[in-house]
N, C-alpha and C. Protein backbone atom coordinates (compact mmCIF):
# COMPACT_ATOMS: atom_id res chain seq x y z
N MET A 1 133.07 65.03 120.04
CA MET A 1 132.70 66.42 120.20
C MET A 1 133.16 66.89 121.61
N ARG A 2 133.63 68.10 121.65
CA ARG A 2 134.03 68.65 122.98
C ARG A 2 133.45 70.05 123.14
N VAL A 3 133.24 70.41 124.40
CA VAL A 3 132.69 71.76 124.73
C VAL A 3 133.83 72.60 125.19
N GLN A 4 133.90 73.84 124.68
CA GLN A 4 134.95 74.77 125.12
C GLN A 4 134.36 76.15 125.39
N THR A 5 135.09 76.86 126.17
CA THR A 5 134.67 78.22 126.57
C THR A 5 135.05 79.20 125.46
N MET A 6 134.15 80.14 125.18
CA MET A 6 134.41 81.20 124.23
C MET A 6 134.94 82.44 124.95
N GLY A 7 135.90 83.14 124.38
CA GLY A 7 136.39 84.35 124.95
C GLY A 7 135.49 85.52 124.72
N ASN A 8 135.73 86.66 125.39
CA ASN A 8 134.89 87.85 125.24
C ASN A 8 134.76 88.34 123.80
N LEU A 9 135.88 88.33 123.07
CA LEU A 9 135.83 88.79 121.67
C LEU A 9 134.95 87.83 120.84
N GLU A 10 135.12 86.55 121.02
CA GLU A 10 134.27 85.56 120.31
C GLU A 10 132.80 85.76 120.65
N CYS A 11 132.50 85.99 121.90
CA CYS A 11 131.12 86.19 122.34
C CYS A 11 130.55 87.45 121.70
N THR A 12 131.31 88.49 121.68
CA THR A 12 130.87 89.76 121.10
C THR A 12 130.59 89.60 119.61
N LYS A 13 131.51 89.00 118.90
CA LYS A 13 131.32 88.75 117.46
C LYS A 13 130.08 87.91 117.19
N PHE A 14 129.86 86.90 118.05
CA PHE A 14 128.69 86.04 117.91
C PHE A 14 127.39 86.87 118.09
N LEU A 15 127.35 87.70 119.15
CA LEU A 15 126.17 88.52 119.36
C LEU A 15 125.96 89.52 118.24
N GLU A 16 127.00 90.06 117.69
CA GLU A 16 126.88 91.00 116.55
C GLU A 16 126.33 90.33 115.32
N ALA A 17 126.62 89.03 115.16
CA ALA A 17 126.20 88.33 113.94
C ALA A 17 124.75 87.84 114.02
N HIS A 18 124.13 87.97 115.17
CA HIS A 18 122.74 87.50 115.33
C HIS A 18 121.81 88.67 115.71
N ARG A 19 120.53 88.39 115.72
CA ARG A 19 119.60 89.45 116.10
C ARG A 19 118.40 88.96 116.90
N LEU A 20 118.25 87.64 117.04
CA LEU A 20 117.21 87.09 117.83
C LEU A 20 117.77 86.42 119.08
N GLY A 21 117.27 86.78 120.23
CA GLY A 21 117.72 86.17 121.47
C GLY A 21 116.55 85.96 122.41
N HIS A 22 116.85 85.38 123.55
CA HIS A 22 115.82 85.17 124.58
C HIS A 22 116.23 85.95 125.83
N LEU A 23 115.37 86.87 126.17
CA LEU A 23 115.62 87.76 127.31
C LEU A 23 114.99 87.17 128.55
N ALA A 24 115.79 87.02 129.61
CA ALA A 24 115.31 86.49 130.88
C ALA A 24 115.29 87.64 131.93
N CYS A 25 114.15 87.76 132.59
CA CYS A 25 114.03 88.70 133.69
C CYS A 25 113.30 87.93 134.83
N CYS A 26 113.24 88.56 135.99
CA CYS A 26 112.75 87.81 137.13
C CYS A 26 112.05 88.75 138.15
N ILE A 27 110.92 88.30 138.69
CA ILE A 27 110.24 89.03 139.73
C ILE A 27 109.67 88.00 140.73
N ASP A 28 109.82 88.32 141.99
CA ASP A 28 109.34 87.45 143.05
C ASP A 28 109.79 85.97 142.88
N ASN A 29 111.08 85.81 142.54
CA ASN A 29 111.71 84.50 142.31
C ASN A 29 111.06 83.72 141.20
N GLN A 30 110.33 84.37 140.29
CA GLN A 30 109.73 83.70 139.16
C GLN A 30 110.37 84.19 137.86
N PRO A 31 111.17 83.39 137.18
CA PRO A 31 111.76 83.82 135.91
C PRO A 31 110.72 83.98 134.82
N TYR A 32 111.01 84.85 133.88
CA TYR A 32 110.16 85.13 132.74
C TYR A 32 111.10 85.27 131.52
N VAL A 33 110.88 84.49 130.50
CA VAL A 33 111.76 84.50 129.32
C VAL A 33 110.95 84.75 128.08
N VAL A 34 111.42 85.72 127.22
CA VAL A 34 110.74 86.07 126.03
C VAL A 34 111.72 86.27 124.87
N PRO A 35 111.29 86.00 123.64
CA PRO A 35 112.17 86.29 122.49
C PRO A 35 112.17 87.79 122.21
N ILE A 36 113.33 88.27 121.82
CA ILE A 36 113.45 89.66 121.37
C ILE A 36 114.36 89.77 120.18
N TYR A 37 114.11 90.73 119.32
CA TYR A 37 115.09 91.12 118.30
C TYR A 37 115.95 92.22 118.94
N TYR A 38 117.22 92.24 118.61
CA TYR A 38 118.12 93.17 119.25
C TYR A 38 119.18 93.62 118.26
N ALA A 39 119.89 94.66 118.65
CA ALA A 39 121.09 95.11 117.91
C ALA A 39 122.14 95.39 119.00
N LEU A 40 123.35 94.96 118.73
CA LEU A 40 124.45 95.15 119.67
C LEU A 40 125.37 96.25 119.21
N ARG A 41 125.69 97.13 120.13
CA ARG A 41 126.72 98.19 119.84
C ARG A 41 127.51 98.38 121.12
N ASN A 42 128.76 98.11 121.06
CA ASN A 42 129.65 98.24 122.23
C ASN A 42 129.15 97.35 123.37
N ILE A 43 128.82 97.95 124.50
CA ILE A 43 128.34 97.18 125.65
C ILE A 43 126.80 97.26 125.77
N TYR A 44 126.14 97.70 124.73
CA TYR A 44 124.68 97.88 124.79
C TYR A 44 123.97 96.95 123.84
N VAL A 45 122.93 96.30 124.34
CA VAL A 45 121.99 95.54 123.53
C VAL A 45 120.73 96.39 123.45
N TYR A 46 120.40 96.89 122.22
CA TYR A 46 119.24 97.73 122.05
C TYR A 46 118.05 96.90 121.58
N SER A 47 116.85 97.25 122.07
CA SER A 47 115.65 96.55 121.65
C SER A 47 114.44 97.49 121.76
N PHE A 48 113.30 96.99 121.29
CA PHE A 48 112.06 97.75 121.16
C PHE A 48 110.93 96.87 121.67
N THR A 49 109.96 97.45 122.33
CA THR A 49 108.80 96.67 122.81
C THR A 49 107.61 97.57 123.06
N MET A 50 106.51 96.92 123.32
CA MET A 50 105.30 97.57 123.74
C MET A 50 105.19 97.38 125.27
N PRO A 51 104.45 98.22 125.96
CA PRO A 51 104.26 98.02 127.40
C PRO A 51 103.66 96.63 127.67
N GLY A 52 104.03 96.07 128.80
CA GLY A 52 103.49 94.77 129.16
C GLY A 52 104.27 94.12 130.28
N LYS A 53 104.11 92.85 130.43
CA LYS A 53 104.67 92.12 131.54
C LYS A 53 106.20 92.23 131.62
N LYS A 54 106.85 92.06 130.48
CA LYS A 54 108.32 92.17 130.45
C LYS A 54 108.81 93.49 130.96
N VAL A 55 108.24 94.55 130.49
CA VAL A 55 108.65 95.88 130.92
C VAL A 55 108.36 96.12 132.38
N ASP A 56 107.18 95.68 132.84
CA ASP A 56 106.84 95.81 134.26
C ASP A 56 107.86 95.09 135.15
N ILE A 57 108.26 93.90 134.73
CA ILE A 57 109.23 93.12 135.51
C ILE A 57 110.59 93.85 135.50
N MET A 58 111.04 94.31 134.33
CA MET A 58 112.36 94.91 134.25
C MET A 58 112.40 96.26 135.00
N ARG A 59 111.29 96.94 135.04
CA ARG A 59 111.23 98.21 135.83
C ARG A 59 111.37 97.88 137.34
N HIS A 60 110.80 96.76 137.76
CA HIS A 60 110.88 96.34 139.16
C HIS A 60 112.25 95.76 139.51
N ASN A 61 112.80 94.95 138.60
CA ASN A 61 114.12 94.32 138.81
C ASN A 61 114.88 94.42 137.51
N PRO A 62 115.81 95.40 137.42
CA PRO A 62 116.51 95.64 136.16
C PRO A 62 117.58 94.59 135.79
N ARG A 63 117.87 93.65 136.66
CA ARG A 63 118.87 92.61 136.33
C ARG A 63 118.27 91.63 135.33
N VAL A 64 118.95 91.45 134.20
CA VAL A 64 118.44 90.60 133.15
C VAL A 64 119.62 89.78 132.50
N SER A 65 119.24 88.81 131.71
CA SER A 65 120.20 88.08 130.90
C SER A 65 119.62 87.87 129.51
N LEU A 66 120.51 87.85 128.51
CA LEU A 66 120.10 87.57 127.15
C LEU A 66 120.85 86.34 126.69
N LEU A 67 120.11 85.36 126.21
CA LEU A 67 120.70 84.13 125.66
C LEU A 67 120.56 84.13 124.16
N VAL A 68 121.65 83.92 123.46
CA VAL A 68 121.64 83.79 122.01
C VAL A 68 122.35 82.47 121.69
N GLU A 69 121.72 81.67 120.85
CA GLU A 69 122.32 80.36 120.57
C GLU A 69 122.19 80.01 119.10
N GLU A 70 123.01 79.07 118.66
CA GLU A 70 123.02 78.63 117.30
C GLU A 70 123.33 77.12 117.30
N ILE A 71 122.52 76.36 116.59
CA ILE A 71 122.74 74.90 116.49
C ILE A 71 122.91 74.57 115.02
N ALA A 72 124.03 73.95 114.69
CA ALA A 72 124.31 73.60 113.31
C ALA A 72 123.80 72.21 112.99
N GLU A 73 123.62 71.94 111.72
CA GLU A 73 123.13 70.61 111.30
C GLU A 73 124.04 69.49 111.71
N ASP A 74 125.33 69.76 111.81
CA ASP A 74 126.28 68.68 112.20
C ASP A 74 126.31 68.40 113.67
N GLY A 75 125.47 69.11 114.47
CA GLY A 75 125.39 68.88 115.89
C GLY A 75 126.27 69.80 116.74
N THR A 76 127.11 70.58 116.08
CA THR A 76 127.86 71.60 116.83
C THR A 76 126.96 72.73 117.21
N TRP A 77 127.32 73.49 118.25
CA TRP A 77 126.50 74.59 118.71
C TRP A 77 127.32 75.66 119.39
N LYS A 78 126.72 76.82 119.51
CA LYS A 78 127.30 77.95 120.25
C LYS A 78 126.20 78.57 121.08
N SER A 79 126.56 79.01 122.27
CA SER A 79 125.63 79.66 123.18
C SER A 79 126.30 80.77 123.93
N VAL A 80 125.73 81.96 123.91
CA VAL A 80 126.31 83.11 124.59
C VAL A 80 125.25 83.72 125.49
N ILE A 81 125.67 84.06 126.70
CA ILE A 81 124.79 84.76 127.65
C ILE A 81 125.41 86.10 127.98
N ALA A 82 124.60 87.14 127.81
CA ALA A 82 125.00 88.50 128.19
C ALA A 82 124.19 88.87 129.44
N ALA A 83 124.85 89.02 130.53
CA ALA A 83 124.19 89.40 131.80
C ALA A 83 124.37 90.89 131.96
N GLY A 84 123.32 91.56 132.40
CA GLY A 84 123.45 93.02 132.59
C GLY A 84 122.21 93.60 133.20
N HIS A 85 121.95 94.88 132.95
CA HIS A 85 120.80 95.55 133.54
C HIS A 85 120.08 96.41 132.50
N PHE A 86 118.78 96.47 132.71
CA PHE A 86 117.81 97.18 131.84
C PHE A 86 117.90 98.66 132.10
N GLU A 87 117.87 99.42 130.98
CA GLU A 87 117.70 100.89 131.02
C GLU A 87 116.72 101.28 129.96
N GLU A 88 115.64 101.92 130.41
CA GLU A 88 114.60 102.41 129.54
C GLU A 88 115.09 103.66 128.84
N LEU A 89 114.73 103.82 127.56
CA LEU A 89 115.08 105.02 126.79
C LEU A 89 113.80 105.77 126.46
N PRO A 90 113.29 106.56 127.43
CA PRO A 90 112.01 107.21 127.23
C PRO A 90 112.06 108.30 126.16
N ASP A 91 110.95 108.59 125.58
CA ASP A 91 110.83 109.60 124.53
C ASP A 91 110.64 110.96 125.20
N ARG A 92 111.70 111.49 125.76
CA ARG A 92 111.65 112.81 126.39
C ARG A 92 113.04 113.42 126.42
N ILE A 93 113.06 114.69 126.76
CA ILE A 93 114.33 115.45 126.81
C ILE A 93 115.31 114.72 127.69
N GLY A 94 116.55 114.67 127.26
CA GLY A 94 117.61 114.05 127.99
C GLY A 94 117.94 112.64 127.48
N PHE A 95 117.01 112.06 126.69
CA PHE A 95 117.22 110.71 126.16
C PHE A 95 117.19 110.67 124.65
N LYS A 96 117.05 111.84 124.01
CA LYS A 96 116.90 111.89 122.55
C LYS A 96 118.02 111.24 121.80
N ILE A 97 119.27 111.52 122.19
CA ILE A 97 120.40 110.99 121.48
C ILE A 97 120.44 109.46 121.58
N GLU A 98 120.23 108.93 122.77
CA GLU A 98 120.22 107.47 122.96
C GLU A 98 119.07 106.81 122.28
N LEU A 99 117.91 107.45 122.32
CA LEU A 99 116.72 106.92 121.64
C LEU A 99 116.93 106.87 120.14
N ASP A 100 117.48 107.92 119.58
CA ASP A 100 117.75 107.94 118.14
C ASP A 100 118.82 106.89 117.77
N HIS A 101 119.77 106.72 118.67
CA HIS A 101 120.82 105.73 118.38
C HIS A 101 120.22 104.32 118.41
N ALA A 102 119.34 104.04 119.37
CA ALA A 102 118.69 102.75 119.42
C ALA A 102 117.88 102.49 118.12
N TRP A 103 117.12 103.50 117.71
CA TRP A 103 116.31 103.36 116.48
C TRP A 103 117.23 103.10 115.28
N SER A 104 118.32 103.85 115.14
CA SER A 104 119.20 103.68 113.99
C SER A 104 119.88 102.31 113.97
N GLU A 105 120.25 101.81 115.15
CA GLU A 105 120.86 100.48 115.23
C GLU A 105 119.86 99.39 114.85
N LEU A 106 118.67 99.47 115.41
CA LEU A 106 117.64 98.45 115.14
C LEU A 106 117.09 98.50 113.73
N SER A 107 116.93 99.68 113.19
CA SER A 107 116.27 99.82 111.89
C SER A 107 117.13 99.36 110.72
N THR A 108 118.36 98.94 110.96
CA THR A 108 119.16 98.39 109.87
C THR A 108 118.70 96.98 109.51
N HIS A 109 117.84 96.38 110.32
CA HIS A 109 117.33 95.02 110.08
C HIS A 109 115.88 95.06 109.63
N VAL A 110 115.53 94.17 108.74
CA VAL A 110 114.15 94.01 108.31
C VAL A 110 113.31 93.54 109.47
N ASN A 111 112.09 94.05 109.60
CA ASN A 111 111.15 93.65 110.64
C ASN A 111 111.73 93.79 112.03
N TRP A 112 112.49 94.84 112.28
CA TRP A 112 113.18 95.06 113.54
C TRP A 112 112.20 95.25 114.72
N TRP A 113 110.97 95.61 114.44
CA TRP A 113 110.00 95.88 115.49
C TRP A 113 109.35 94.61 116.01
N GLU A 114 109.53 93.47 115.29
CA GLU A 114 108.96 92.21 115.74
C GLU A 114 109.96 91.51 116.65
N PRO A 115 109.65 90.74 117.64
CA PRO A 115 108.30 90.46 118.12
C PRO A 115 107.84 91.50 119.11
N GLY A 116 108.60 92.58 119.38
CA GLY A 116 108.26 93.55 120.41
C GLY A 116 106.93 94.27 120.20
N SER A 117 106.49 94.40 118.96
CA SER A 117 105.25 95.14 118.71
C SER A 117 104.04 94.22 118.53
N LEU A 118 104.27 92.95 118.50
CA LEU A 118 103.17 92.00 118.30
C LEU A 118 102.69 91.44 119.58
N LYS A 119 101.42 91.56 119.82
CA LYS A 119 100.79 91.00 121.04
C LYS A 119 99.71 90.02 120.64
N PRO A 120 99.40 89.03 121.45
CA PRO A 120 98.38 88.06 121.12
C PRO A 120 96.99 88.69 120.89
N ASP A 121 96.67 89.75 121.57
CA ASP A 121 95.36 90.38 121.47
C ASP A 121 95.45 91.56 120.50
N ALA A 122 95.04 91.33 119.25
CA ALA A 122 95.15 92.35 118.20
C ALA A 122 94.43 93.65 118.57
N GLU A 123 93.29 93.54 119.25
CA GLU A 123 92.50 94.72 119.62
C GLU A 123 93.30 95.59 120.57
N THR A 124 93.91 94.97 121.55
CA THR A 124 94.76 95.75 122.49
C THR A 124 95.91 96.42 121.82
N THR A 125 96.58 95.71 120.92
CA THR A 125 97.71 96.28 120.21
C THR A 125 97.29 97.46 119.36
N SER A 126 96.15 97.34 118.65
CA SER A 126 95.75 98.40 117.76
C SER A 126 95.29 99.64 118.49
N SER A 127 94.84 99.49 119.74
CA SER A 127 94.39 100.62 120.49
C SER A 127 95.54 101.35 121.23
N HIS A 128 96.69 100.72 121.24
CA HIS A 128 97.85 101.35 121.91
C HIS A 128 98.82 101.90 120.88
N SER A 129 99.27 103.09 121.05
CA SER A 129 100.34 103.62 120.24
C SER A 129 101.63 103.71 121.05
N ASP A 130 101.56 103.39 122.33
CA ASP A 130 102.74 103.45 123.18
C ASP A 130 103.72 102.37 122.77
N HIS A 131 104.95 102.71 122.79
CA HIS A 131 106.03 101.77 122.53
C HIS A 131 107.27 102.34 123.25
N LEU A 132 108.25 101.50 123.39
CA LEU A 132 109.44 102.03 124.04
C LEU A 132 110.68 101.29 123.55
N PHE A 133 111.77 102.05 123.52
CA PHE A 133 113.06 101.51 123.26
C PHE A 133 113.77 101.34 124.59
N TYR A 134 114.61 100.34 124.67
CA TYR A 134 115.38 100.12 125.88
C TYR A 134 116.72 99.51 125.49
N ARG A 135 117.59 99.48 126.46
CA ARG A 135 118.87 98.84 126.22
C ARG A 135 119.24 98.01 127.45
N ILE A 136 120.03 97.01 127.20
CA ILE A 136 120.64 96.20 128.24
C ILE A 136 122.10 96.58 128.27
N VAL A 137 122.55 97.05 129.43
CA VAL A 137 123.99 97.35 129.58
C VAL A 137 124.64 96.07 129.99
N ILE A 138 125.56 95.57 129.14
CA ILE A 138 126.20 94.25 129.42
C ILE A 138 127.25 94.43 130.53
N ASP A 139 127.11 93.66 131.57
CA ASP A 139 128.08 93.64 132.64
C ASP A 139 129.02 92.44 132.51
N GLU A 140 128.51 91.37 131.92
CA GLU A 140 129.31 90.14 131.85
C GLU A 140 128.88 89.31 130.63
N LEU A 141 129.86 88.78 129.92
CA LEU A 141 129.63 87.90 128.82
C LEU A 141 130.20 86.52 129.10
N SER A 142 129.46 85.49 128.69
CA SER A 142 130.03 84.13 128.79
C SER A 142 129.49 83.32 127.64
N GLY A 143 130.29 82.41 127.16
CA GLY A 143 129.87 81.60 126.03
C GLY A 143 130.59 80.29 126.00
N ARG A 144 129.86 79.31 125.38
CA ARG A 144 130.44 77.98 125.20
C ARG A 144 130.06 77.52 123.79
N GLU A 145 130.89 76.60 123.31
CA GLU A 145 130.60 76.01 122.00
C GLU A 145 131.01 74.55 121.99
N ALA A 146 130.25 73.76 121.25
CA ALA A 146 130.57 72.34 121.08
C ALA A 146 131.16 72.21 119.66
N VAL A 147 132.34 71.70 119.60
CA VAL A 147 133.07 71.55 118.33
C VAL A 147 133.50 70.12 118.12
N ASP A 148 133.72 69.75 116.87
CA ASP A 148 134.21 68.42 116.55
C ASP A 148 135.70 68.31 116.88
């Protein structure tokens, strides 16, 4: 088995073919990593969430990375990292087109709102109707794969 670098086009196609990744953000030199469902369009990774720790961190430090990986039964694997920055898509004038675009991209998948809308405390979740769409503007893509 050997490890090789994936080109930008290969990385993009890989991200387009998947919808679950791990978003990494950081505050006060402490990384925080969470699973997200996403949709990729051009240089944007669109996602949905409820207010919480992840959003607070990204508002403070918008630099983030998204890791998407795949491991095959034969031991081969692919791993792509999209590094970029967080942009909130608030529900207000000036963001309607982008907000609608995020919704249309995400809603093509079943259960697109998970895990962003699910919180461990059901009472807190049910009392909140706040939610937000956001996007990650990809600044850099890198990928590797292990092949036979």
